[in-house]
Amino acid sequence: MRVAVTGTPGTGKTSATRLLEADGTGESEDDHTVIHLNELIESDEDLWTERDDDRDSLVADLEAIAERLGDWDGILESHLAHYFEADRVVVLRCAPETLEDRLTERGEPPAKARENAESEALDVILSEAVERFGREHVHEIDTTEAEPEAVAAEIEAVIDGDREPSAGTVDFTGYL
């Protein structure tokens, strides 16, 4: 099973998926292989084409990444994860005001934090995921007030087939 965990930066993707990650012992049935795509991109110059100095980010080469991933299995975690083949897509969402605070607290420039908050209010990543995979494969999770353990449990429910698709249930347009 291939599960893409995506969402605007700051929604909690890495925190939640680290809790689901295989610890290498193979003793737990609930451990998963997790590909932290942003880390993979940062570690391999063949997976990006240029550095965007204004946004302090790398421009990913989606074709090179798809080739590198090949026939992957497990959880793919990144704000880009929904660009790759998957069986289910989990879109983590967060209230724009909270998201902006989280990003600012972790050192992002105010303009970048605001840009991401606006993208979240506009449902940019959710819309892209639904367009690519259809509503029947997209699961939306609001992380605004949720602890990483609760988010991880919701992702696990998606993986296990115990959570119905829920695209379009979170609305942050009031932020605009």
Protein backbone atom coordinates (compact mmCIF):
# COMPACT_ATOMS: atom_id res chain seq x y z
CA MET A 1 0.00 0.00 0.00
CA ARG A 2 1.25 3.47 -0.91
CA VAL A 3 -0.01 6.34 1.24
CA ALA A 4 0.94 9.92 0.46
CA VAL A 5 0.87 12.19 3.53
CA THR A 6 0.84 15.76 2.28
CA GLY A 7 -0.16 19.23 3.37
CA THR A 8 1.09 22.77 3.62
CA PRO A 9 4.44 23.11 5.44
CA GLY A 10 3.80 23.29 9.19
CA THR A 11 0.71 21.07 9.33
CA GLY A 12 2.54 18.30 11.21
CA LYS A 13 3.41 15.75 8.52
CA THR A 14 6.90 14.94 9.77
CA SER A 15 5.93 14.84 13.45
CA ALA A 16 3.05 12.44 12.83
CA THR A 17 4.82 10.16 10.37
CA ARG A 18 7.90 9.82 12.59
CA LEU A 19 5.58 8.18 15.12
CA LEU A 20 4.50 5.64 12.48
CA GLU A 21 7.99 4.91 11.25
CA ALA A 22 9.51 1.46 11.44
CA ASP A 23 12.08 1.30 14.22
CA GLY A 24 14.06 -1.39 12.48
CA THR A 25 13.19 -4.21 14.89
CA GLY A 26 10.26 -5.56 12.91
CA GLU A 27 8.54 -6.40 16.21
CA SER A 28 5.49 -4.20 15.74
CA GLU A 29 2.86 -4.76 13.08
CA ASP A 30 2.08 -1.03 13.19
CA ASP A 31 5.56 0.09 12.07
CA HIS A 32 5.69 1.50 8.54
CA THR A 33 8.36 2.36 6.04
CA VAL A 34 8.30 6.15 5.76
CA ILE A 35 10.02 8.10 3.02
CA HIS A 36 10.64 11.67 4.18
CA LEU A 37 10.80 13.13 0.70
CA ASN A 38 12.12 16.58 1.62
CA GLU A 39 15.11 14.97 3.36
CA LEU A 40 15.73 12.79 0.31
CA ILE A 41 15.64 15.83 -2.00
CA GLU A 42 17.99 17.85 0.22
CA SER A 43 20.49 14.98 0.34
CA ASP A 44 20.71 14.41 -3.42
CA GLU A 45 21.55 17.15 -5.93
CA ASP A 46 20.13 14.98 -8.72
CA LEU A 47 16.62 15.48 -7.29
CA TRP A 48 16.46 19.27 -7.58
CA THR A 49 17.12 21.72 -10.38
CA GLU A 50 17.83 25.02 -8.64
CA ARG A 51 17.80 26.88 -5.37
CA ASP A 52 15.08 29.50 -4.88
CA ASP A 53 16.92 32.04 -2.73
CA ASP A 54 13.81 34.21 -2.26
CA ARG A 55 11.94 31.31 -0.64
CA ASP A 56 15.04 29.61 0.79
CA SER A 57 14.03 26.34 -0.84
CA LEU A 58 15.02 23.87 -3.53
CA VAL A 59 13.08 23.44 -6.77
CA ALA A 60 12.32 19.73 -6.95
CA ASP A 61 12.75 17.72 -10.15
CA LEU A 62 9.54 15.69 -10.00
CA GLU A 63 10.53 13.38 -12.86
CA ALA A 64 13.88 12.52 -11.23
CA ILE A 65 12.14 11.94 -7.91
CA ALA A 66 9.54 9.64 -9.49
CA GLU A 67 12.32 7.67 -11.13
CA ARG A 68 14.23 7.42 -7.82
CA LEU A 69 11.10 6.31 -5.93
CA GLY A 70 10.29 3.65 -8.51
CA ASP A 71 7.63 1.24 -7.28
CA TRP A 72 7.71 2.52 -3.71
CA ASP A 73 5.68 1.14 -0.83
CA GLY A 74 4.76 2.58 2.59
CA ILE A 75 4.24 6.22 3.50
CA LEU A 76 5.56 9.11 1.43
CA GLU A 77 5.70 12.30 3.51
CA SER A 78 6.10 15.79 2.02
CA HIS A 79 4.16 18.80 0.83
CA LEU A 80 4.94 17.29 -2.60
CA ALA A 81 3.77 13.73 -1.83
CA HIS A 82 0.48 14.13 -3.71
CA TYR A 83 2.42 14.55 -6.98
CA PHE A 84 3.38 10.87 -6.92
CA GLU A 85 1.44 7.65 -7.43
CA ALA A 86 -0.39 6.52 -4.29
CA ASP A 87 -3.32 4.36 -3.25
CA ARG A 88 -4.55 6.81 -0.62
CA VAL A 89 -3.75 10.44 0.10
CA VAL A 90 -3.85 12.04 3.53
CA VAL A 91 -3.96 15.84 3.50
CA LEU A 92 -3.08 17.38 6.85
CA ARG A 93 -4.75 20.75 7.42
CA CYS A 94 -4.21 23.47 10.02
CA ALA A 95 -5.94 26.77 10.76
CA PRO A 96 -3.98 29.45 8.86
CA GLU A 97 -3.37 31.59 11.95
CA THR A 98 -1.94 28.61 13.83
CA LEU A 99 0.05 27.54 10.79
CA GLU A 100 1.56 31.01 10.42
CA ASP A 101 2.55 30.98 14.11
CA ARG A 102 4.12 27.50 13.81
CA LEU A 103 6.17 28.49 10.78
CA THR A 104 7.31 31.77 12.33
CA GLU A 105 8.30 29.96 15.54
CA ARG A 106 10.47 27.54 13.57
CA GLY A 107 12.29 30.44 11.93
CA GLU A 108 10.54 30.95 8.61
CA PRO A 109 10.48 34.55 7.36
CA PRO A 110 7.13 36.26 8.05
CA ALA A 111 6.38 36.66 4.32
CA LYS A 112 6.90 32.92 3.69
CA ALA A 113 4.78 32.01 6.73
CA ARG A 114 2.00 34.30 5.52
CA GLU A 115 2.20 32.88 1.97
CA ASN A 116 1.81 29.34 3.33
CA ALA A 117 -1.10 30.40 5.57
CA GLU A 118 -2.87 31.90 2.56
CA SER A 119 -2.27 28.72 0.54
CA GLU A 120 -3.79 26.73 3.39
CA ALA A 121 -6.86 28.98 3.50
CA LEU A 122 -7.28 28.53 -0.25
CA ASP A 123 -7.13 24.70 0.00
CA VAL A 124 -4.28 24.61 -2.54
CA ILE A 125 -2.85 21.20 -1.65
CA LEU A 126 -6.27 19.65 -0.95
CA SER A 127 -7.53 20.83 -4.35
CA GLU A 128 -4.48 19.42 -6.12
CA ALA A 129 -4.86 16.08 -4.35
CA VAL A 130 -8.57 15.79 -5.17
CA GLU A 131 -7.95 16.77 -8.80
CA ARG A 132 -5.25 14.12 -9.18
CA PHE A 133 -6.74 11.24 -7.14
CA GLY A 134 -10.47 11.95 -6.82
CA ARG A 135 -12.42 12.57 -3.60
CA GLU A 136 -12.74 8.82 -2.99
CA HIS A 137 -9.00 8.51 -2.28
CA VAL A 138 -8.38 11.68 -0.25
CA HIS A 139 -8.59 11.87 3.54
CA GLU A 140 -8.46 15.27 5.22
CA ILE A 141 -7.26 15.60 8.83
CA ASP A 142 -7.43 18.86 10.81
CA THR A 143 -4.27 19.09 12.94
CA THR A 144 -4.93 22.53 14.44
CA GLU A 145 -5.61 21.32 17.98
CA ALA A 146 -4.38 17.73 17.62
CA GLU A 147 -1.26 16.25 19.19
CA PRO A 148 1.06 14.35 16.82
CA GLU A 149 0.01 11.02 18.41
CA ALA A 150 -3.65 11.68 17.54
CA VAL A 151 -2.72 12.64 13.98
CA ALA A 152 -0.61 9.49 13.65
CA ALA A 153 -3.60 7.43 14.87
CA GLU A 154 -5.82 9.03 12.21
CA ILE A 155 -3.23 8.26 9.51
CA GLU A 156 -3.07 4.67 10.79
CA ALA A 157 -6.88 4.48 10.49
CA VAL A 158 -6.60 5.58 6.85
CA ILE A 159 -3.94 2.93 6.19
CA ASP A 160 -6.07 0.24 7.86
CA GLY A 161 -9.17 1.27 5.88
CA ASP A 162 -10.99 2.28 9.07
CA ARG A 163 -11.47 5.92 8.06
CA GLU A 164 -13.69 7.06 5.22
CA PRO A 165 -12.43 9.57 2.65
CA SER A 166 -13.22 13.09 3.81
CA ALA A 167 -12.04 15.67 1.29
CA GLY A 168 -13.76 19.02 1.73
CA THR A 169 -14.67 18.73 5.42
CA VAL A 170 -12.25 21.42 6.66
CA ASP A 171 -12.89 25.07 5.78
CA PHE A 172 -10.46 27.88 6.52
CA THR A 173 -11.73 30.39 3.95
CA GLY A 174 -12.77 32.74 6.77
CA TYR A 175 -9.07 33.56 7.12
CA LEU A 176 -9.15 35.38 3.81
